[in-house]
Amino acid sequence: MAKLSLSLKKLKLEPYLPGINEVMKQPGVASLIAAQGERAAARCNAMAREYRGTGEEPVYESEQVTKRYVAAAIVYASNKAAGLDNLKNNTLKKGCGA
């Protein structure tokens, strides 16, 4: 029997970038990414603490956007209390897993 050998060193694969970009913009992928953004915002809201003197609860929100090549979710501090909380505790970094 003949033995088949395949060397990965000689195999050159090139991704079809237009196809990948098209898939990353599909509504199904965009909804998955938006759901991840909402979960990250919920984690940020759970970790948030009221900053002294603001008198309001910090609120973090997410927004789904379509960038040039892919769909993305942006999580941001939506009020001044959340901005101060993030400044002091790095809430966005911790809540988004960065």
PDB file of N, CA and C in Angstrom:
ATOM      1  N   MET A   1       0.828  -1.188   0.000  1.00  0.00           N
ATOM      2  CA  MET A   1       0.000   0.000   0.000  1.00  0.00           C
ATOM      3  C   MET A   1       0.872   1.251   0.000  1.00  0.00           C
ATOM      4  N   ALA A   2       0.445   2.227  -0.711  1.00  0.00           N
ATOM      5  CA  ALA A   2       1.181   3.479  -0.781  1.00  0.00           C
ATOM      6  C   ALA A   2       0.838   4.319   0.443  1.00  0.00           C
ATOM      7  N   LYS A   3       1.827   4.991   0.945  1.00  0.00           N
ATOM      8  CA  LYS A   3       1.639   5.836   2.123  1.00  0.00           C
ATOM      9  C   LYS A   3       1.486   7.289   1.670  1.00  0.00           C
ATOM     10  N   LEU A   4       0.451   7.927   2.144  1.00  0.00           N
ATOM     11  CA  LEU A   4       0.180   9.312   1.775  1.00  0.00           C
ATOM     12  C   LEU A   4       0.763  10.213   2.849  1.00  0.00           C
ATOM     13  N   SER A   5       1.594  11.119   2.452  1.00  0.00           N
ATOM     14  CA  SER A   5       2.146  12.070   3.428  1.00  0.00           C
ATOM     15  C   SER A   5       1.849  13.486   2.946  1.00  0.00           C
ATOM     16  N   LEU A   6       1.508  14.317   3.903  1.00  0.00           N
ATOM     17  CA  LEU A   6       1.181  15.700   3.590  1.00  0.00           C
ATOM     18  C   LEU A   6       2.031  16.586   4.481  1.00  0.00           C
ATOM     19  N   SER A   7       2.769  17.442   3.891  1.00  0.00           N
ATOM     20  CA  SER A   7       3.610  18.352   4.654  1.00  0.00           C
ATOM     21  C   SER A   7       2.923  19.710   4.744  1.00  0.00           C
ATOM     22  N   LEU A   8       2.719  20.176   5.951  1.00  0.00           N
ATOM     23  CA  LEU A   8       2.088  21.474   6.130  1.00  0.00           C
ATOM     24  C   LEU A   8       3.015  22.623   5.745  1.00  0.00           C
ATOM     25  N   LYS A   9       4.294  22.351   5.692  1.00  0.00           N
ATOM     26  CA  LYS A   9       5.242  23.386   5.298  1.00  0.00           C
ATOM     27  C   LYS A   9       5.048  23.774   3.832  1.00  0.00           C
ATOM     28  N   LYS A  10       4.644  22.852   3.023  1.00  0.00           N
ATOM     29  CA  LYS A  10       4.478  23.111   1.597  1.00  0.00           C
ATOM     30  C   LYS A  10       3.064  23.574   1.251  1.00  0.00           C
ATOM     31  N   LEU A  11       2.139  23.383   2.172  1.00  0.00           N
ATOM     32  CA  LEU A  11       0.755  23.742   1.927  1.00  0.00           C
ATOM     33  C   LEU A  11       0.553  25.221   2.263  1.00  0.00           C
ATOM     34  N   LYS A  12       0.119  25.972   1.292  1.00  0.00           N
ATOM     35  CA  LYS A  12      -0.083  27.397   1.495  1.00  0.00           C
ATOM     36  C   LYS A  12      -1.562  27.710   1.356  1.00  0.00           C
ATOM     37  N   LEU A  13      -2.152  28.197   2.429  1.00  0.00           N
ATOM     38  CA  LEU A  13      -3.562  28.563   2.424  1.00  0.00           C
ATOM     39  C   LEU A  13      -3.685  30.069   2.490  1.00  0.00           C
ATOM     40  N   GLU A  14      -4.535  30.583   1.661  1.00  0.00           N
ATOM     41  CA  GLU A  14      -4.812  32.012   1.692  1.00  0.00           C
ATOM     42  C   GLU A  14      -6.297  32.200   1.964  1.00  0.00           C
ATOM     43  N   PRO A  15      -6.643  32.965   2.992  1.00  0.00           N
ATOM     44  CA  PRO A  15      -8.063  33.170   3.282  1.00  0.00           C
ATOM     45  C   PRO A  15      -8.726  34.032   2.218  1.00  0.00           C
ATOM     46  N   TYR A  16      -9.975  33.751   1.978  1.00  0.00           N
ATOM     47  CA  TYR A  16     -10.762  34.533   1.027  1.00  0.00           C
ATOM     48  C   TYR A  16     -11.380  35.683   1.828  1.00  0.00           C
ATOM     49  N   LEU A  17     -10.681  36.794   1.905  1.00  0.00           N
ATOM     50  CA  LEU A  17     -11.070  37.907   2.760  1.00  0.00           C
ATOM     51  C   LEU A  17     -12.432  38.510   2.440  1.00  0.00           C
ATOM     52  N   PRO A  18     -12.807  38.690   1.186  1.00  0.00           N
ATOM     53  CA  PRO A  18     -14.150  39.227   0.940  1.00  0.00           C
ATOM     54  C   PRO A  18     -15.250  38.337   1.524  1.00  0.00           C
ATOM     55  N   GLY A  19     -15.056  37.029   1.466  1.00  0.00           N
ATOM     56  CA  GLY A  19     -16.040  36.109   2.030  1.00  0.00           C
ATOM     57  C   GLY A  19     -16.094  36.197   3.547  1.00  0.00           C
ATOM     58  N   ILE A  20     -14.937  36.299   4.188  1.00  0.00           N
ATOM     59  CA  ILE A  20     -14.882  36.432   5.649  1.00  0.00           C
ATOM     60  C   ILE A  20     -15.537  37.732   6.078  1.00  0.00           C
ATOM     61  N   ASN A  21     -15.235  38.804   5.387  1.00  0.00           N
ATOM     62  CA  ASN A  21     -15.828  40.105   5.716  1.00  0.00           C
ATOM     63  C   ASN A  21     -17.339  40.081   5.552  1.00  0.00           C
ATOM     64  N   GLU A  22     -17.829  39.394   4.529  1.00  0.00           N
ATOM     65  CA  GLU A  22     -19.269  39.311   4.298  1.00  0.00           C
ATOM     66  C   GLU A  22     -19.954  38.526   5.418  1.00  0.00           C
ATOM     67  N   VAL A  23     -19.333  37.445   5.856  1.00  0.00           N
ATOM     68  CA  VAL A  23     -19.896  36.651   6.950  1.00  0.00           C
ATOM     69  C   VAL A  23     -19.932  37.462   8.242  1.00  0.00           C
ATOM     70  N   MET A  24     -18.887  38.225   8.508  1.00  0.00           N
ATOM     71  CA  MET A  24     -18.812  38.996   9.748  1.00  0.00           C
ATOM     72  C   MET A  24     -19.841  40.121   9.809  1.00  0.00           C
ATOM     73  N   LYS A  25     -20.445  40.471   8.670  1.00  0.00           N
ATOM     74  CA  LYS A  25     -21.473  41.519   8.645  1.00  0.00           C
ATOM     75  C   LYS A  25     -22.887  40.944   8.647  1.00  0.00           C
ATOM     76  N   GLN A  26     -23.037  39.630   8.615  1.00  0.00           N
ATOM     77  CA  GLN A  26     -24.358  38.999   8.565  1.00  0.00           C
ATOM     78  C   GLN A  26     -25.162  39.310   9.826  1.00  0.00           C
ATOM     79  N   PRO A  27     -26.485  39.380   9.724  1.00  0.00           N
ATOM     80  CA  PRO A  27     -27.331  39.697  10.892  1.00  0.00           C
ATOM     81  C   PRO A  27     -27.167  38.705  12.045  1.00  0.00           C
ATOM     82  N   GLY A  28     -26.960  37.431  11.736  1.00  0.00           N
ATOM     83  CA  GLY A  28     -26.776  36.440  12.794  1.00  0.00           C
ATOM     84  C   GLY A  28     -25.524  36.699  13.615  1.00  0.00           C
ATOM     85  N   VAL A  29     -24.434  36.998  12.940  1.00  0.00           N
ATOM     86  CA  VAL A  29     -23.176  37.307  13.623  1.00  0.00           C
ATOM     87  C   VAL A  29     -23.311  38.623  14.387  1.00  0.00           C
ATOM     88  N   ALA A  30     -23.957  39.598  13.777  1.00  0.00           N
ATOM     89  CA  ALA A  30     -24.144  40.892  14.433  1.00  0.00           C
ATOM     90  C   ALA A  30     -24.978  40.746  15.703  1.00  0.00           C
ATOM     91  N   SER A  31     -26.002  39.889  15.677  1.00  0.00           N
ATOM     92  CA  SER A  31     -26.815  39.701  16.882  1.00  0.00           C
ATOM     93  C   SER A  31     -26.030  38.993  17.982  1.00  0.00           C
ATOM     94  N   LEU A  32     -25.163  38.051  17.618  1.00  0.00           N
ATOM     95  CA  LEU A  32     -24.305  37.395  18.621  1.00  0.00           C
ATOM     96  C   LEU A  32     -23.357  38.406  19.260  1.00  0.00           C
ATOM     97  N   ILE A  33     -22.782  39.265  18.455  1.00  0.00           N
ATOM     98  CA  ILE A  33     -21.858  40.273  18.972  1.00  0.00           C
ATOM     99  C   ILE A  33     -22.606  41.284  19.841  1.00  0.00           C
ATOM    100  N   ALA A  34     -23.817  41.664  19.436  1.00  0.00           N
ATOM    101  CA  ALA A  34     -24.624  42.587  20.242  1.00  0.00           C
ATOM    102  C   ALA A  34     -24.976  41.961  21.589  1.00  0.00           C
ATOM    103  N   ALA A  35     -25.266  40.667  21.598  1.00  0.00           N
ATOM    104  CA  ALA A  35     -25.573  39.979  22.857  1.00  0.00           C
ATOM    105  C   ALA A  35     -24.354  39.959  23.775  1.00  0.00           C
ATOM    106  N   GLN A  36     -23.169  39.763  23.210  1.00  0.00           N
ATOM    107  CA  GLN A  36     -21.943  39.807  24.010  1.00  0.00           C
ATOM    108  C   GLN A  36     -21.740  41.200  24.610  1.00  0.00           C
ATOM    109  N   GLY A  37     -22.041  42.237  23.829  1.00  0.00           N
ATOM    110  CA  GLY A  37     -21.927  43.607  24.324  1.00  0.00           C
ATOM    111  C   GLY A  37     -22.892  43.875  25.462  1.00  0.00           C
ATOM    112  N   GLU A  38     -24.121  43.363  25.332  1.00  0.00           N
ATOM    113  CA  GLU A  38     -25.105  43.539  26.401  1.00  0.00           C
ATOM    114  C   GLU A  38     -24.673  42.828  27.674  1.00  0.00           C
ATOM    115  N   ARG A  39     -24.098  41.626  27.537  1.00  0.00           N
ATOM    116  CA  ARG A  39     -23.603  40.902  28.718  1.00  0.00           C
ATOM    117  C   ARG A  39     -22.456  41.652  29.382  1.00  0.00           C
ATOM    118  N   ALA A  40     -21.566  42.227  28.573  1.00  0.00           N
ATOM    119  CA  ALA A  40     -20.449  43.002  29.137  1.00  0.00           C
ATOM    120  C   ALA A  40     -20.969  44.235  29.866  1.00  0.00           C
ATOM    121  N   ALA A  41     -21.972  44.914  29.301  1.00  0.00           N
ATOM    122  CA  ALA A  41     -22.558  46.085  29.963  1.00  0.00           C
ATOM    123  C   ALA A  41     -23.236  45.677  31.270  1.00  0.00           C
ATOM    124  N   ALA A  42     -23.891  44.516  31.279  1.00  0.00           N
ATOM    125  CA  ALA A  42     -24.531  44.033  32.505  1.00  0.00           C
ATOM    126  C   ALA A  42     -23.487  43.730  33.584  1.00  0.00           C
ATOM    127  N   ARG A  43     -22.344  43.151  33.192  1.00  0.00           N
ATOM    128  CA  ARG A  43     -21.267  42.907  34.167  1.00  0.00           C
ATOM    129  C   ARG A  43     -20.729  44.223  34.717  1.00  0.00           C
ATOM    130  N   CYS A  44     -20.590  45.215  33.853  1.00  0.00           N
ATOM    131  CA  CYS A  44     -20.113  46.528  34.305  1.00  0.00           C
ATOM    132  C   CYS A  44     -21.112  47.153  35.272  1.00  0.00           C
ATOM    133  N   ASN A  45     -22.403  47.051  34.961  1.00  0.00           N
ATOM    134  CA  ASN A  45     -23.427  47.606  35.851  1.00  0.00           C
ATOM    135  C   ASN A  45     -23.439  46.887  37.193  1.00  0.00           C
ATOM    136  N   ALA A  46     -23.174  45.572  37.199  1.00  0.00           N
ATOM    137  CA  ALA A  46     -23.148  44.818  38.453  1.00  0.00           C
ATOM    138  C   ALA A  46     -21.950  45.218  39.315  1.00  0.00           C
ATOM    139  N   MET A  47     -20.832  45.564  38.690  1.00  0.00           N
ATOM    140  CA  MET A  47     -19.630  45.941  39.439  1.00  0.00           C
ATOM    141  C   MET A  47     -19.619  47.412  39.851  1.00  0.00           C
ATOM    142  N   ALA A  48     -20.440  48.220  39.223  1.00  0.00           N
ATOM    143  CA  ALA A  48     -20.390  49.675  39.427  1.00  0.00           C
ATOM    144  C   ALA A  48     -20.791  50.061  40.843  1.00  0.00           C
ATOM    145  N   ARG A  49     -20.090  51.069  41.363  1.00  0.00           N
ATOM    146  CA  ARG A  49     -20.414  51.635  42.663  1.00  0.00           C
ATOM    147  C   ARG A  49     -20.630  53.128  42.501  1.00  0.00           C
ATOM    148  N   GLU A  50     -21.555  53.675  43.300  1.00  0.00           N
ATOM    149  CA  GLU A  50     -21.837  55.111  43.220  1.00  0.00           C
ATOM    150  C   GLU A  50     -20.613  55.890  43.683  1.00  0.00           C
ATOM    151  N   TYR A  51     -20.223  56.832  42.870  1.00  0.00           N
ATOM    152  CA  TYR A  51     -19.085  57.674  43.215  1.00  0.00           C
ATOM    153  C   TYR A  51     -19.560  58.786  44.135  1.00  0.00           C
ATOM    154  N   ARG A  52     -18.732  59.111  45.134  1.00  0.00           N
ATOM    155  CA  ARG A  52     -19.105  60.151  46.111  1.00  0.00           C
ATOM    156  C   ARG A  52     -19.480  61.458  45.444  1.00  0.00           C
ATOM    157  N   GLY A  53     -20.590  62.015  45.865  1.00  0.00           N
ATOM    158  CA  GLY A  53     -20.956  63.352  45.425  1.00  0.00           C
ATOM    159  C   GLY A  53     -21.755  63.439  44.146  1.00  0.00           C
ATOM    160  N   THR A  54     -21.905  62.370  43.411  1.00  0.00           N
ATOM    161  CA  THR A  54     -22.660  62.467  42.164  1.00  0.00           C
ATOM    162  C   THR A  54     -24.162  62.345  42.405  1.00  0.00           C
ATOM    163  N   GLY A  55     -24.563  61.544  43.371  1.00  0.00           N
ATOM    164  CA  GLY A  55     -25.971  61.380  43.678  1.00  0.00           C
ATOM    165  C   GLY A  55     -26.753  60.578  42.666  1.00  0.00           C
ATOM    166  N   GLU A  56     -26.089  59.907  41.748  1.00  0.00           N
ATOM    167  CA  GLU A  56     -26.782  59.071  40.770  1.00  0.00           C
ATOM    168  C   GLU A  56     -26.063  57.739  40.621  1.00  0.00           C
ATOM    169  N   GLU A  57     -26.806  56.766  40.157  1.00  0.00           N
ATOM    170  CA  GLU A  57     -26.267  55.418  39.966  1.00  0.00           C
ATOM    171  C   GLU A  57     -25.517  55.348  38.637  1.00  0.00           C
ATOM    172  N   PRO A  58     -24.311  54.749  38.622  1.00  0.00           N
ATOM    173  CA  PRO A  58     -23.585  54.602  37.349  1.00  0.00           C
ATOM    174  C   PRO A  58     -24.318  53.642  36.405  1.00  0.00           C
ATOM    175  N   VAL A  59     -24.411  54.005  35.144  1.00  0.00           N
ATOM    176  CA  VAL A  59     -25.079  53.171  34.145  1.00  0.00           C
ATOM    177  C   VAL A  59     -24.146  52.984  32.954  1.00  0.00           C
ATOM    178  N   TYR A  60     -23.923  51.722  32.604  1.00  0.00           N
ATOM    179  CA  TYR A  60     -23.131  51.373  31.422  1.00  0.00           C
ATOM    180  C   TYR A  60     -24.085  50.795  30.389  1.00  0.00           C
ATOM    181  N   GLU A  61     -23.891  51.142  29.119  1.00  0.00           N
ATOM    182  CA  GLU A  61     -24.747  50.677  28.035  1.00  0.00           C
ATOM    183  C   GLU A  61     -23.894  50.130  26.899  1.00  0.00           C
ATOM    184  N   SER A  62     -24.530  49.365  26.025  1.00  0.00           N
ATOM    185  CA  SER A  62     -23.827  48.851  24.845  1.00  0.00           C
ATOM    186  C   SER A  62     -24.603  49.232  23.597  1.00  0.00           C
ATOM    187  N   GLU A  63     -23.881  49.296  22.500  1.00  0.00           N
ATOM    188  CA  GLU A  63     -24.473  49.661  21.219  1.00  0.00           C
ATOM    189  C   GLU A  63     -23.841  48.802  20.136  1.00  0.00           C
ATOM    190  N   GLN A  64     -24.650  48.261  19.235  1.00  0.00           N
ATOM    191  CA  GLN A  64     -24.141  47.452  18.144  1.00  0.00           C
ATOM    192  C   GLN A  64     -23.917  48.357  16.939  1.00  0.00           C
ATOM    193  N   VAL A  65     -22.719  48.287  16.355  1.00  0.00           N
ATOM    194  CA  VAL A  65     -22.379  49.095  15.185  1.00  0.00           C
ATOM    195  C   VAL A  65     -21.766  48.190  14.112  1.00  0.00           C
ATOM    196  N   THR A  66     -21.816  48.623  12.879  1.00  0.00           N
ATOM    197  CA  THR A  66     -21.144  47.909  11.793  1.00  0.00           C
ATOM    198  C   THR A  66     -19.980  48.758  11.335  1.00  0.00           C
ATOM    199  N   LYS A  67     -18.799  48.234  11.553  1.00  0.00           N
ATOM    200  CA  LYS A  67     -17.579  48.926  11.137  1.00  0.00           C
ATOM    201  C   LYS A  67     -17.305  48.600   9.668  1.00  0.00           C
ATOM    202  N   ARG A  68     -16.159  48.988   9.204  1.00  0.00           N
ATOM    203  CA  ARG A  68     -15.822  48.807   7.788  1.00  0.00           C
ATOM    204  C   ARG A  68     -15.845  47.335   7.377  1.00  0.00           C
ATOM    205  N   TYR A  69     -15.271  46.465   8.202  1.00  0.00           N
ATOM    206  CA  TYR A  69     -15.168  45.059   7.838  1.00  0.00           C
ATOM    207  C   TYR A  69     -16.039  44.135   8.677  1.00  0.00           C
ATOM    208  N   VAL A  70     -16.345  44.512   9.911  1.00  0.00           N
ATOM    209  CA  VAL A  70     -17.057  43.604  10.813  1.00  0.00           C
ATOM    210  C   VAL A  70     -18.128  44.330  11.611  1.00  0.00           C
ATOM    211  N   ALA A  71     -19.027  43.549  12.174  1.00  0.00           N
ATOM    212  CA  ALA A  71     -19.976  44.070  13.144  1.00  0.00           C
ATOM    213  C   ALA A  71     -19.255  44.140  14.483  1.00  0.00           C
ATOM    214  N   ALA A  72     -19.610  45.110  15.317  1.00  0.00           N
ATOM    215  CA  ALA A  72     -18.942  45.283  16.602  1.00  0.00           C
ATOM    216  C   ALA A  72     -19.940  45.776  17.637  1.00  0.00           C
ATOM    217  N   ALA A  73     -19.593  45.594  18.894  1.00  0.00           N
ATOM    218  CA  ALA A  73     -20.397  46.135  19.992  1.00  0.00           C
ATOM    219  C   ALA A  73     -19.515  47.081  20.794  1.00  0.00           C
ATOM    220  N   ILE A  74     -20.061  48.226  21.137  1.00  0.00           N
ATOM    221  CA  ILE A  74     -19.327  49.214  21.926  1.00  0.00           C
ATOM    222  C   ILE A  74     -20.011  49.315  23.282  1.00  0.00           C
ATOM    223  N   VAL A  75     -19.234  49.172  24.350  1.00  0.00           N
ATOM    224  CA  VAL A  75     -19.750  49.337  25.711  1.00  0.00           C
ATOM    225  C   VAL A  75     -19.183  50.650  26.221  1.00  0.00           C
ATOM    226  N   TYR A  76     -20.054  51.488  26.798  1.00  0.00           N
ATOM    227  CA  TYR A  76     -19.603  52.813  27.219  1.00  0.00           C
ATOM    228  C   TYR A  76     -20.318  53.253  28.487  1.00  0.00           C
ATOM    229  N   ALA A  77     -19.717  54.225  29.169  1.00  0.00           N
ATOM    230  CA  ALA A  77     -20.316  54.841  30.350  1.00  0.00           C
ATOM    231  C   ALA A  77     -21.335  55.867  29.861  1.00  0.00           C
ATOM    232  N   SER A  78     -22.593  55.708  30.258  1.00  0.00           N
ATOM    233  CA  SER A  78     -23.629  56.569  29.704  1.00  0.00           C
ATOM    234  C   SER A  78     -23.969  57.781  30.565  1.00  0.00           C
ATOM    235  N   ASN A  79     -23.383  57.897  31.734  1.00  0.00           N
ATOM    236  CA  ASN A  79     -23.616  59.102  32.536  1.00  0.00           C
ATOM    237  C   ASN A  79     -22.323  59.482  33.274  1.00  0.00           C
ATOM    238  N   LYS A  80     -22.343  60.622  33.922  1.00  0.00           N
ATOM    239  CA  LYS A  80     -21.147  61.139  34.587  1.00  0.00           C
ATOM    240  C   LYS A  80     -20.707  60.223  35.722  1.00  0.00           C
ATOM    241  N   ALA A  81     -21.665  59.669  36.466  1.00  0.00           N
ATOM    242  CA  ALA A  81     -21.324  58.777  37.577  1.00  0.00           C
ATOM    243  C   ALA A  81     -20.584  57.537  37.074  1.00  0.00           C
ATOM    244  N   ALA A  82     -21.004  57.004  35.940  1.00  0.00           N
ATOM    245  CA  ALA A  82     -20.333  55.842  35.370  1.00  0.00           C
ATOM    246  C   ALA A  82     -18.932  56.210  34.889  1.00  0.00           C
ATOM    247  N   GLY A  83     -18.784  57.383  34.320  1.00  0.00           N
ATOM    248  CA  GLY A  83     -17.455  57.838  33.891  1.00  0.00           C
ATOM    249  C   GLY A  83     -16.503  57.954  35.068  1.00  0.00           C
ATOM    250  N   LEU A  84     -16.977  58.513  36.188  1.00  0.00           N
ATOM    251  CA  LEU A  84     -16.129  58.637  37.379  1.00  0.00           C
ATOM    252  C   LEU A  84     -15.837  57.265  37.988  1.00  0.00           C
ATOM    253  N   ASP A  85     -16.842  56.378  37.979  1.00  0.00           N
ATOM    254  CA  ASP A  85     -16.642  55.016  38.481  1.00  0.00           C
ATOM    255  C   ASP A  85     -15.592  54.294  37.645  1.00  0.00           C
ATOM    256  N   ASN A  86     -15.670  54.430  36.331  1.00  0.00           N
ATOM    257  CA  ASN A  86     -14.687  53.795  35.461  1.00  0.00           C
ATOM    258  C   ASN A  86     -13.296  54.384  35.671  1.00  0.00           C
ATOM    259  N   LEU A  87     -13.224  55.675  35.883  1.00  0.00           N
ATOM    260  CA  LEU A  87     -11.939  56.333  36.111  1.00  0.00           C
ATOM    261  C   LEU A  87     -11.272  55.795  37.371  1.00  0.00           C
ATOM    262  N   LYS A  88     -12.061  55.589  38.418  1.00  0.00           N
ATOM    263  CA  LYS A  88     -11.516  55.136  39.700  1.00  0.00           C
ATOM    264  C   LYS A  88     -11.271  53.624  39.733  1.00  0.00           C
ATOM    265  N   ASN A  89     -12.189  52.825  39.172  1.00  0.00           N
ATOM    266  CA  ASN A  89     -12.138  51.364  39.345  1.00  0.00           C
ATOM    267  C   ASN A  89     -11.838  50.563  38.084  1.00  0.00           C
ATOM    268  N   ASN A  90     -11.649  51.211  36.947  1.00  0.00           N
ATOM    269  CA  ASN A  90     -11.424  50.512  35.663  1.00  0.00           C
ATOM    270  C   ASN A  90     -12.553  49.515  35.385  1.00  0.00           C
ATOM    271  N   THR A  91     -13.781  49.927  35.592  1.00  0.00           N
ATOM    272  CA  THR A  91     -14.927  49.032  35.470  1.00  0.00           C
ATOM    273  C   THR A  91     -15.079  48.500  34.046  1.00  0.00           C
ATOM    274  N   LEU A  92     -14.902  49.332  33.038  1.00  0.00           N
ATOM    275  CA  LEU A  92     -15.036  48.872  31.654  1.00  0.00           C
ATOM    276  C   LEU A  92     -13.993  47.812  31.319  1.00  0.00           C
ATOM    277  N   LYS A  93     -12.791  47.990  31.761  1.00  0.00           N
ATOM    278  CA  LYS A  93     -11.729  47.028  31.485  1.00  0.00           C
ATOM    279  C   LYS A  93     -12.035  45.698  32.157  1.00  0.00           C
ATOM    280  N   LYS A  94     -12.474  45.747  33.403  1.00  0.00           N
ATOM    281  CA  LYS A  94     -12.784  44.517  34.128  1.00  0.00           C
ATOM    282  C   LYS A  94     -14.047  43.852  33.596  1.00  0.00           C
ATOM    283  N   GLY A  95     -15.067  44.622  33.305  1.00  0.00           N
ATOM    284  CA  GLY A  95     -16.330  44.071  32.849  1.00  0.00           C
ATOM    285  C   GLY A  95     -16.295  43.512  31.449  1.00  0.00           C
ATOM    286  N   CYS A  96     -15.420  44.042  30.607  1.00  0.00           N
ATOM    287  CA  CYS A  96     -15.324  43.571  29.226  1.00  0.00           C
ATOM    288  C   CYS A  96     -14.276  42.477  29.067  1.00  0.00           C
ATOM    289  N   GLY A  97     -13.572  42.180  30.132  1.00  0.00           N
ATOM    290  CA  GLY A  97     -12.601  41.095  30.092  1.00  0.00           C
ATOM    291  C   GLY A  97     -11.295  41.449  29.419  1.00  0.00           C
ATOM    292  N   ALA A  98     -10.992  42.710  29.335  1.00  0.00           N
ATOM    293  CA  ALA A  98      -9.741  43.135  28.680  1.00  0.00           C
ATOM    294  C   ALA A  98      -8.584  43.146  29.659  1.00  0.00           C
TER     295      ALA A  98
END
